[in-house]
């Protein structure tokens, strides 16, 4: 989505397999000048309850990609399958 002021908003889902701990993900379309914001939300097959915490962390790699990883406080990766992401640039 491109706004009248030139701001570009992209979003989607990036997969992670049980063997992956960190993934480099290529955006559908590279930002022409700047990649300014990245938001990640963990995606899992079940609700996490009690003392099980799931977190997603990421970094901007380039105008066309970002890296991300997931952490589970109990080490259970069977229900983790990726992240929902949103990226802003121009």
PDB file of N, CA and C in Angstrom:
ATOM      1  N   UNK A   1       0.848  -1.151   0.000  1.00  0.00           N
ATOM      2  CA  UNK A   1       0.000   0.000   0.000  1.00  0.00           C
ATOM      3  C   UNK A   1       0.905   1.228   0.000  1.00  0.00           C
ATOM      4  N   UNK A   2       0.667   2.149  -0.935  1.00  0.00           N
ATOM      5  CA  UNK A   2       1.448   3.376  -1.019  1.00  0.00           C
ATOM      6  C   UNK A   2       0.527   4.555  -0.715  1.00  0.00           C
ATOM      7  N   UNK A   3       0.927   5.360   0.266  1.00  0.00           N
ATOM      8  CA  UNK A   3       0.150   6.526   0.669  1.00  0.00           C
ATOM      9  C   UNK A   3       0.537   7.734  -0.182  1.00  0.00           C
ATOM     10  N   UNK A   4      -0.331   8.767  -0.235  1.00  0.00           N
ATOM     11  CA  UNK A   4      -0.051   9.946  -1.057  1.00  0.00           C
ATOM     12  C   UNK A   4       1.285  10.635  -0.739  1.00  0.00           C
ATOM     13  N   UNK A   5       1.736  10.551   0.511  1.00  0.00           N
ATOM     14  CA  UNK A   5       3.008  11.199   0.874  1.00  0.00           C
ATOM     15  C   UNK A   5       4.227  10.354   0.511  1.00  0.00           C
ATOM     16  N   UNK A   6       4.012   9.175  -0.095  1.00  0.00           N
ATOM     17  CA  UNK A   6       5.107   8.309  -0.505  1.00  0.00           C
ATOM     18  C   UNK A   6       5.441   7.201   0.474  1.00  0.00           C
ATOM     19  N   UNK A   7       4.815   7.211   1.647  1.00  0.00           N
ATOM     20  CA  UNK A   7       5.033   6.147   2.625  1.00  0.00           C
ATOM     21  C   UNK A   7       4.493   4.831   2.071  1.00  0.00           C
ATOM     22  N   UNK A   8       5.268   3.773   2.242  1.00  0.00           N
ATOM     23  CA  UNK A   8       4.883   2.446   1.755  1.00  0.00           C
ATOM     24  C   UNK A   8       4.678   1.527   2.952  1.00  0.00           C
ATOM     25  N   UNK A   9       3.563   0.796   2.961  1.00  0.00           N
ATOM     26  CA  UNK A   9       3.235  -0.148   4.029  1.00  0.00           C
ATOM     27  C   UNK A   9       3.102  -1.535   3.410  1.00  0.00           C
ATOM     28  N   UNK A  10       3.885  -2.490   3.916  1.00  0.00           N
ATOM     29  CA  UNK A  10       3.801  -3.881   3.464  1.00  0.00           C
ATOM     30  C   UNK A  10       3.531  -4.766   4.675  1.00  0.00           C
ATOM     31  N   UNK A  11       2.877  -5.905   4.463  1.00  0.00           N
ATOM     32  CA  UNK A  11       2.590  -6.816   5.559  1.00  0.00           C
ATOM     33  C   UNK A  11       2.444  -8.229   5.014  1.00  0.00           C
ATOM     34  N   UNK A  12       2.506  -9.200   5.926  1.00  0.00           N
ATOM     35  CA  UNK A  12       2.352 -10.581   5.505  1.00  0.00           C
ATOM     36  C   UNK A  12       2.695 -11.556   6.610  1.00  0.00           C
ATOM     37  N   UNK A  13       2.997 -12.786   6.215  1.00  0.00           N
ATOM     38  CA  UNK A  13       3.361 -13.856   7.142  1.00  0.00           C
ATOM     39  C   UNK A  13       4.640 -14.491   6.626  1.00  0.00           C
ATOM     40  N   UNK A  14       5.589 -14.713   7.507  1.00  0.00           N
ATOM     41  CA  UNK A  14       6.847 -15.370   7.157  1.00  0.00           C
ATOM     42  C   UNK A  14       6.943 -16.673   7.935  1.00  0.00           C
ATOM     43  N   UNK A  15       7.239 -17.756   7.246  1.00  0.00           N
ATOM     44  CA  UNK A  15       7.283 -19.083   7.872  1.00  0.00           C
ATOM     45  C   UNK A  15       8.627 -19.372   8.521  1.00  0.00           C
ATOM     46  N   UNK A  16       8.576 -20.263   9.485  1.00  0.00           N
ATOM     47  CA  UNK A  16       9.757 -20.730  10.207  1.00  0.00           C
ATOM     48  C   UNK A  16       9.559 -22.216  10.435  1.00  0.00           C
ATOM     49  N   UNK A  17      10.553 -23.040  10.114  1.00  0.00           N
ATOM     50  CA  UNK A  17      10.437 -24.468  10.388  1.00  0.00           C
ATOM     51  C   UNK A  17      11.047 -24.769  11.749  1.00  0.00           C
ATOM     52  N   UNK A  18      10.812 -25.951  12.258  1.00  0.00           N
ATOM     53  CA  UNK A  18      11.351 -26.329  13.566  1.00  0.00           C
ATOM     54  C   UNK A  18      12.872 -26.320  13.587  1.00  0.00           C
ATOM     55  N   UNK A  19      13.508 -26.479  12.426  1.00  0.00           N
ATOM     56  CA  UNK A  19      14.966 -26.484  12.365  1.00  0.00           C
ATOM     57  C   UNK A  19      15.558 -25.082  12.296  1.00  0.00           C
ATOM     58  N   UNK A  20      14.743 -24.095  11.948  1.00  0.00           N
ATOM     59  CA  UNK A  20      15.228 -22.721  11.834  1.00  0.00           C
ATOM     60  C   UNK A  20      15.156 -22.018  13.180  1.00  0.00           C
ATOM     61  N   UNK A  21      16.147 -21.219  13.464  1.00  0.00           N
ATOM     62  CA  UNK A  21      16.098 -20.364  14.647  1.00  0.00           C
ATOM     63  C   UNK A  21      16.079 -18.900  14.225  1.00  0.00           C
ATOM     64  N   UNK A  22      16.739 -18.611  13.110  1.00  0.00           N
ATOM     65  CA  UNK A  22      16.739 -17.264  12.532  1.00  0.00           C
ATOM     66  C   UNK A  22      16.549 -17.400  11.031  1.00  0.00           C
ATOM     67  N   UNK A  23      15.786 -16.485  10.469  1.00  0.00           N
ATOM     68  CA  UNK A  23      15.461 -16.538   9.049  1.00  0.00           C
ATOM     69  C   UNK A  23      15.667 -15.154   8.441  1.00  0.00           C
ATOM     70  N   UNK A  24      16.212 -15.105   7.235  1.00  0.00           N
ATOM     71  CA  UNK A  24      16.275 -13.874   6.465  1.00  0.00           C
ATOM     72  C   UNK A  24      15.102 -13.910   5.493  1.00  0.00           C
ATOM     73  N   UNK A  25      14.263 -12.883   5.539  1.00  0.00           N
ATOM     74  CA  UNK A  25      13.043 -12.843   4.736  1.00  0.00           C
ATOM     75  C   UNK A  25      13.128 -11.683   3.750  1.00  0.00           C
ATOM     76  N   UNK A  26      12.837 -11.959   2.482  1.00  0.00           N
ATOM     77  CA  UNK A  26      12.821 -10.922   1.450  1.00  0.00           C
ATOM     78  C   UNK A  26      11.424 -10.342   1.310  1.00  0.00           C
ATOM     79  N   UNK A  27      11.334  -9.027   1.344  1.00  0.00           N
ATOM     80  CA  UNK A  27      10.056  -8.344   1.172  1.00  0.00           C
ATOM     81  C   UNK A  27       9.515  -8.577  -0.239  1.00  0.00           C
ATOM     82  N   UNK A  28       8.191  -8.543  -0.400  1.00  0.00           N
ATOM     83  CA  UNK A  28       7.618  -8.682  -1.744  1.00  0.00           C
ATOM     84  C   UNK A  28       8.122  -7.594  -2.697  1.00  0.00           C
ATOM     85  N   UNK A  29       8.324  -6.375  -2.151  1.00  0.00           N
ATOM     86  CA  UNK A  29       8.827  -5.259  -2.950  1.00  0.00           C
ATOM     87  C   UNK A  29       9.792  -4.452  -2.087  1.00  0.00           C
ATOM     88  N   UNK A  30      10.984  -4.188  -2.601  1.00  0.00           N
ATOM     89  CA  UNK A  30      11.987  -3.428  -1.854  1.00  0.00           C
ATOM     90  C   UNK A  30      11.548  -1.974  -1.694  1.00  0.00           C
ATOM     91  N   UNK A  31      11.939  -1.362  -0.585  1.00  0.00           N
ATOM     92  CA  UNK A  31      11.706   0.064  -0.392  1.00  0.00           C
ATOM     93  C   UNK A  31      12.738   0.828  -1.220  1.00  0.00           C
ATOM     94  N   UNK A  32      12.324   1.891  -1.921  1.00  0.00           N
ATOM     95  CA  UNK A  32      13.270   2.605  -2.780  1.00  0.00           C
ATOM     96  C   UNK A  32      14.315   3.435  -2.023  1.00  0.00           C
ATOM     97  N   UNK A  33      13.976   3.996  -0.861  1.00  0.00           N
ATOM     98  CA  UNK A  33      14.907   4.900  -0.173  1.00  0.00           C
ATOM     99  C   UNK A  33      15.224   4.509   1.265  1.00  0.00           C
ATOM    100  N   UNK A  34      14.225   4.060   2.037  1.00  0.00           N
ATOM    101  CA  UNK A  34      14.459   3.769   3.458  1.00  0.00           C
ATOM    102  C   UNK A  34      13.472   2.735   3.977  1.00  0.00           C
ATOM    103  N   UNK A  35      13.958   1.852   4.834  1.00  0.00           N
ATOM    104  CA  UNK A  35      13.155   0.857   5.564  1.00  0.00           C
ATOM    105  C   UNK A  35      13.195   1.352   7.008  1.00  0.00           C
ATOM    106  N   UNK A  36      12.090   1.926   7.495  1.00  0.00           N
ATOM    107  CA  UNK A  36      12.135   2.645   8.769  1.00  0.00           C
ATOM    108  C   UNK A  36      11.493   1.932   9.955  1.00  0.00           C
ATOM    109  N   UNK A  37      10.635   0.944   9.718  1.00  0.00           N
ATOM    110  CA  UNK A  37       9.951   0.307  10.844  1.00  0.00           C
ATOM    111  C   UNK A  37       9.611  -1.142  10.521  1.00  0.00           C
ATOM    112  N   UNK A  38       9.784  -2.006  11.525  1.00  0.00           N
ATOM    113  CA  UNK A  38       9.447  -3.424  11.404  1.00  0.00           C
ATOM    114  C   UNK A  38       8.719  -3.853  12.666  1.00  0.00           C
ATOM    115  N   UNK A  39       7.550  -4.461  12.512  1.00  0.00           N
ATOM    116  CA  UNK A  39       6.794  -5.014  13.631  1.00  0.00           C
ATOM    117  C   UNK A  39       6.593  -6.505  13.390  1.00  0.00           C
ATOM    118  N   UNK A  40       6.773  -7.298  14.446  1.00  0.00           N
ATOM    119  CA  UNK A  40       6.627  -8.750  14.357  1.00  0.00           C
ATOM    120  C   UNK A  40       5.684  -9.252  15.439  1.00  0.00           C
ATOM    121  N   UNK A  41       4.845 -10.223  15.090  1.00  0.00           N
ATOM    122  CA  UNK A  41       3.968 -10.895  16.042  1.00  0.00           C
ATOM    123  C   UNK A  41       4.148 -12.395  15.859  1.00  0.00           C
ATOM    124  N   UNK A  42       4.477 -13.138  16.926  1.00  0.00           N
ATOM    125  CA  UNK A  42       4.669 -14.584  16.797  1.00  0.00           C
ATOM    126  C   UNK A  42       3.396 -15.286  16.321  1.00  0.00           C
ATOM    127  N   UNK A  43       3.563 -16.315  15.518  1.00  0.00           N
ATOM    128  CA  UNK A  43       2.448 -17.134  15.043  1.00  0.00           C
ATOM    129  C   UNK A  43       2.653 -18.559  15.550  1.00  0.00           C
ATOM    130  N   UNK A  44       1.611 -19.136  16.137  1.00  0.00           N
ATOM    131  CA  UNK A  44       1.716 -20.484  16.695  1.00  0.00           C
ATOM    132  C   UNK A  44       0.420 -21.241  16.470  1.00  0.00           C
ATOM    133  N   UNK A  45       0.493 -22.571  16.543  1.00  0.00           N
ATOM    134  CA  UNK A  45      -0.666 -23.434  16.318  1.00  0.00           C
ATOM    135  C   UNK A  45      -1.608 -23.522  17.507  1.00  0.00           C
ATOM    136  N   UNK A  46      -1.162 -23.108  18.681  1.00  0.00           N
ATOM    137  CA  UNK A  46      -2.008 -23.208  19.873  1.00  0.00           C
ATOM    138  C   UNK A  46      -1.792 -21.996  20.754  1.00  0.00           C
ATOM    139  N   UNK A  47      -2.682 -21.796  21.660  1.00  0.00           N
ATOM    140  CA  UNK A  47      -2.525 -20.709  22.622  1.00  0.00           C
ATOM    141  C   UNK A  47      -1.457 -21.088  23.640  1.00  0.00           C
ATOM    142  N   UNK A  48      -0.657 -20.126  24.012  1.00  0.00           N
ATOM    143  CA  UNK A  48       0.354 -20.362  25.039  1.00  0.00           C
ATOM    144  C   UNK A  48      -0.222 -19.929  26.377  1.00  0.00           C
ATOM    145  N   UNK A  49      -0.125 -20.807  27.361  1.00  0.00           N
ATOM    146  CA  UNK A  49      -0.733 -20.532  28.652  1.00  0.00           C
ATOM    147  C   UNK A  49       0.278 -20.704  29.770  1.00  0.00           C
ATOM    148  N   UNK A  50      -0.123 -20.294  30.949  1.00  0.00           N
ATOM    149  CA  UNK A  50       0.672 -20.435  32.163  1.00  0.00           C
ATOM    150  C   UNK A  50       2.047 -19.794  32.005  1.00  0.00           C
ATOM    151  N   UNK A  51       3.104 -20.592  32.134  1.00  0.00           N
ATOM    152  CA  UNK A  51       4.456 -20.037  32.145  1.00  0.00           C
ATOM    153  C   UNK A  51       5.160 -20.128  30.797  1.00  0.00           C
ATOM    154  N   UNK A  52       4.439 -20.347  29.731  1.00  0.00           N
ATOM    155  CA  UNK A  52       5.026 -20.471  28.402  1.00  0.00           C
ATOM    156  C   UNK A  52       4.930 -19.130  27.678  1.00  0.00           C
ATOM    157  N   UNK A  53       6.063 -18.500  27.408  1.00  0.00           N
ATOM    158  CA  UNK A  53       6.092 -17.208  26.730  1.00  0.00           C
ATOM    159  C   UNK A  53       6.747 -17.354  25.371  1.00  0.00           C
ATOM    160  N   UNK A  54       6.157 -16.738  24.374  1.00  0.00           N
ATOM    161  CA  UNK A  54       6.678 -16.770  23.017  1.00  0.00           C
ATOM    162  C   UNK A  54       6.982 -15.343  22.590  1.00  0.00           C
ATOM    163  N   UNK A  55       8.159 -15.109  22.040  1.00  0.00           N
ATOM    164  CA  UNK A  55       8.506 -13.770  21.574  1.00  0.00           C
ATOM    165  C   UNK A  55       9.153 -13.838  20.200  1.00  0.00           C
ATOM    166  N   UNK A  56       8.946 -12.780  19.432  1.00  0.00           N
ATOM    167  CA  UNK A  56       9.571 -12.641  18.121  1.00  0.00           C
ATOM    168  C   UNK A  56      10.518 -11.451  18.178  1.00  0.00           C
ATOM    169  N   UNK A  57      11.650 -11.578  17.537  1.00  0.00           N
ATOM    170  CA  UNK A  57      12.614 -10.477  17.489  1.00  0.00           C
ATOM    171  C   UNK A  57      13.182 -10.410  16.078  1.00  0.00           C
ATOM    172  N   UNK A  58      13.434  -9.203  15.622  1.00  0.00           N
ATOM    173  CA  UNK A  58      13.904  -9.053  14.257  1.00  0.00           C
ATOM    174  C   UNK A  58      14.791  -7.845  14.075  1.00  0.00           C
ATOM    175  N   UNK A  59      15.337  -7.740  12.887  1.00  0.00           N
ATOM    176  CA  UNK A  59      16.199  -6.615  12.543  1.00  0.00           C
ATOM    177  C   UNK A  59      16.055  -6.318  11.052  1.00  0.00           C
ATOM    178  N   UNK A  60      16.254  -5.063  10.698  1.00  0.00           N
ATOM    179  CA  UNK A  60      16.217  -4.650   9.304  1.00  0.00           C
ATOM    180  C   UNK A  60      17.583  -4.953   8.701  1.00  0.00           C
ATOM    181  N   UNK A  61      17.594  -5.753   7.655  1.00  0.00           N
ATOM    182  CA  UNK A  61      18.839  -6.162   6.994  1.00  0.00           C
ATOM    183  C   UNK A  61      19.213  -5.205   5.854  1.00  0.00           C
ATOM    184  N   UNK A  62      18.226  -4.848   5.036  1.00  0.00           N
ATOM    185  CA  UNK A  62      18.470  -3.997   3.869  1.00  0.00           C
ATOM    186  C   UNK A  62      17.145  -3.369   3.445  1.00  0.00           C
ATOM    187  N   UNK A  63      17.152  -2.651   2.340  1.00  0.00           N
ATOM    188  CA  UNK A  63      15.912  -2.069   1.823  1.00  0.00           C
ATOM    189  C   UNK A  63      14.925  -3.129   1.361  1.00  0.00           C
ATOM    190  N   UNK A  64      15.392  -4.361   1.196  1.00  0.00           N
ATOM    191  CA  UNK A  64      14.528  -5.415   0.661  1.00  0.00           C
ATOM    192  C   UNK A  64      14.366  -6.625   1.577  1.00  0.00           C
ATOM    193  N   UNK A  65      14.961  -6.602   2.777  1.00  0.00           N
ATOM    194  CA  UNK A  65      14.868  -7.795   3.626  1.00  0.00           C
ATOM    195  C   UNK A  65      14.996  -7.475   5.112  1.00  0.00           C
ATOM    196  N   UNK A  66      14.508  -8.426   5.919  1.00  0.00           N
ATOM    197  CA  UNK A  66      14.690  -8.360   7.364  1.00  0.00           C
ATOM    198  C   UNK A  66      14.971  -9.761   7.876  1.00  0.00           C
ATOM    199  N   UNK A  67      15.584  -9.833   9.031  1.00  0.00           N
ATOM    200  CA  UNK A  67      15.826 -11.108   9.679  1.00  0.00           C
ATOM    201  C   UNK A  67      14.950 -11.215  10.908  1.00  0.00           C
ATOM    202  N   UNK A  68      14.591 -12.447  11.280  1.00  0.00           N
ATOM    203  CA  UNK A  68      13.804 -12.624  12.496  1.00  0.00           C
ATOM    204  C   UNK A  68      14.091 -13.969  13.130  1.00  0.00           C
ATOM    205  N   UNK A  69      13.761 -14.056  14.402  1.00  0.00           N
ATOM    206  CA  UNK A  69      13.866 -15.296  15.153  1.00  0.00           C
ATOM    207  C   UNK A  69      12.760 -15.349  16.185  1.00  0.00           C
ATOM    208  N   UNK A  70      12.572 -16.512  16.773  1.00  0.00           N
ATOM    209  CA  UNK A  70      11.547 -16.710  17.794  1.00  0.00           C
ATOM    210  C   UNK A  70      12.164 -17.342  19.025  1.00  0.00           C
ATOM    211  N   UNK A  71      11.606 -17.017  20.172  1.00  0.00           N
ATOM    212  CA  UNK A  71      12.041 -17.624  21.426  1.00  0.00           C
ATOM    213  C   UNK A  71      10.821 -18.140  22.169  1.00  0.00           C
ATOM    214  N   UNK A  72      10.931 -19.344  22.717  1.00  0.00           N
ATOM    215  CA  UNK A  72       9.883 -19.957  23.530  1.00  0.00           C
ATOM    216  C   UNK A  72      10.500 -20.240  24.890  1.00  0.00           C
ATOM    217  N   UNK A  73       9.893 -19.743  25.941  1.00  0.00           N
ATOM    218  CA  UNK A  73      10.474 -19.873  27.280  1.00  0.00           C
ATOM    219  C   UNK A  73      10.634 -21.317  27.732  1.00  0.00           C
ATOM    220  N   UNK A  74       9.851 -22.233  27.174  1.00  0.00           N
ATOM    221  CA  UNK A  74       9.952 -23.640  27.568  1.00  0.00           C
ATOM    222  C   UNK A  74      10.667 -24.503  26.531  1.00  0.00           C
ATOM    223  N   UNK A  75      11.201 -23.879  25.491  1.00  0.00           N
ATOM    224  CA  UNK A  75      11.942 -24.634  24.486  1.00  0.00           C
ATOM    225  C   UNK A  75      11.086 -25.475  23.561  1.00  0.00           C
ATOM    226  N   UNK A  76       9.770 -25.318  23.589  1.00  0.00           N
ATOM    227  CA  UNK A  76       8.883 -26.107  22.734  1.00  0.00           C
ATOM    228  C   UNK A  76       8.636 -25.430  21.407  1.00  0.00           C
ATOM    229  N   UNK A  77       9.220 -25.951  20.357  1.00  0.00           N
ATOM    230  CA  UNK A  77       9.101 -25.340  19.041  1.00  0.00           C
ATOM    231  C   UNK A  77       8.042 -25.994  18.161  1.00  0.00           C
ATOM    232  N   UNK A  78       7.376 -27.033  18.628  1.00  0.00           N
ATOM    233  CA  UNK A  78       6.467 -27.777  17.758  1.00  0.00           C
ATOM    234  C   UNK A  78       5.261 -26.965  17.311  1.00  0.00           C
ATOM    235  N   UNK A  79       4.869 -25.958  18.070  1.00  0.00           N
ATOM    236  CA  UNK A  79       3.682 -25.196  17.703  1.00  0.00           C
ATOM    237  C   UNK A  79       4.012 -23.846  17.066  1.00  0.00           C
ATOM    238  N   UNK A  80       5.282 -23.525  16.924  1.00  0.00           N
ATOM    239  CA  UNK A  80       5.690 -22.250  16.353  1.00  0.00           C
ATOM    240  C   UNK A  80       5.854 -22.400  14.847  1.00  0.00           C
ATOM    241  N   UNK A  81       5.224 -21.519  14.080  1.00  0.00           N
ATOM    242  CA  UNK A  81       5.373 -21.662  12.635  1.00  0.00           C
ATOM    243  C   UNK A  81       5.781 -20.385  11.917  1.00  0.00           C
ATOM    244  N   UNK A  82       6.022 -19.294  12.604  1.00  0.00           N
ATOM    245  CA  UNK A  82       6.487 -18.090  11.937  1.00  0.00           C
ATOM    246  C   UNK A  82       6.047 -16.820  12.612  1.00  0.00           C
ATOM    247  N   UNK A  83       6.022 -15.746  11.822  1.00  0.00           N
ATOM    248  CA  UNK A  83       5.612 -14.445  12.335  1.00  0.00           C
ATOM    249  C   UNK A  83       4.686 -13.760  11.342  1.00  0.00           C
ATOM    250  N   UNK A  84       3.793 -12.954  11.892  1.00  0.00           N
ATOM    251  CA  UNK A  84       3.065 -11.982  11.093  1.00  0.00           C
ATOM    252  C   UNK A  84       3.919 -10.725  11.152  1.00  0.00           C
ATOM    253  N   UNK A  85       4.103 -10.062  10.028  1.00  0.00           N
ATOM    254  CA  UNK A  85       4.991  -8.912   9.996  1.00  0.00           C
ATOM    255  C   UNK A  85       4.340  -7.726   9.303  1.00  0.00           C
ATOM    256  N   UNK A  86       4.820  -6.540   9.659  1.00  0.00           N
ATOM    257  CA  UNK A  86       4.428  -5.296   9.003  1.00  0.00           C
ATOM    258  C   UNK A  86       5.683  -4.444   8.869  1.00  0.00           C
ATOM    259  N   UNK A  87       5.852  -3.830   7.714  1.00  0.00           N
ATOM    260  CA  UNK A  87       7.036  -3.024   7.441  1.00  0.00           C
ATOM    261  C   UNK A  87       6.617  -1.686   6.837  1.00  0.00           C
ATOM    262  N   UNK A  88       7.313  -0.629   7.256  1.00  0.00           N
ATOM    263  CA  UNK A  88       7.039   0.713   6.745  1.00  0.00           C
ATOM    264  C   UNK A  88       8.331   1.295   6.185  1.00  0.00           C
ATOM    265  N   UNK A  89       8.211   1.943   5.056  1.00  0.00           N
ATOM    266  CA  UNK A  89       9.361   2.590   4.437  1.00  0.00           C
ATOM    267  C   UNK A  89       8.903   3.630   3.438  1.00  0.00           C
ATOM    268  N   UNK A  90       9.848   4.095   2.664  1.00  0.00           N
ATOM    269  CA  UNK A  90       9.534   5.050   1.599  1.00  0.00           C
ATOM    270  C   UNK A  90      10.615   5.000   0.535  1.00  0.00           C
TER     271      UNK A  90
END
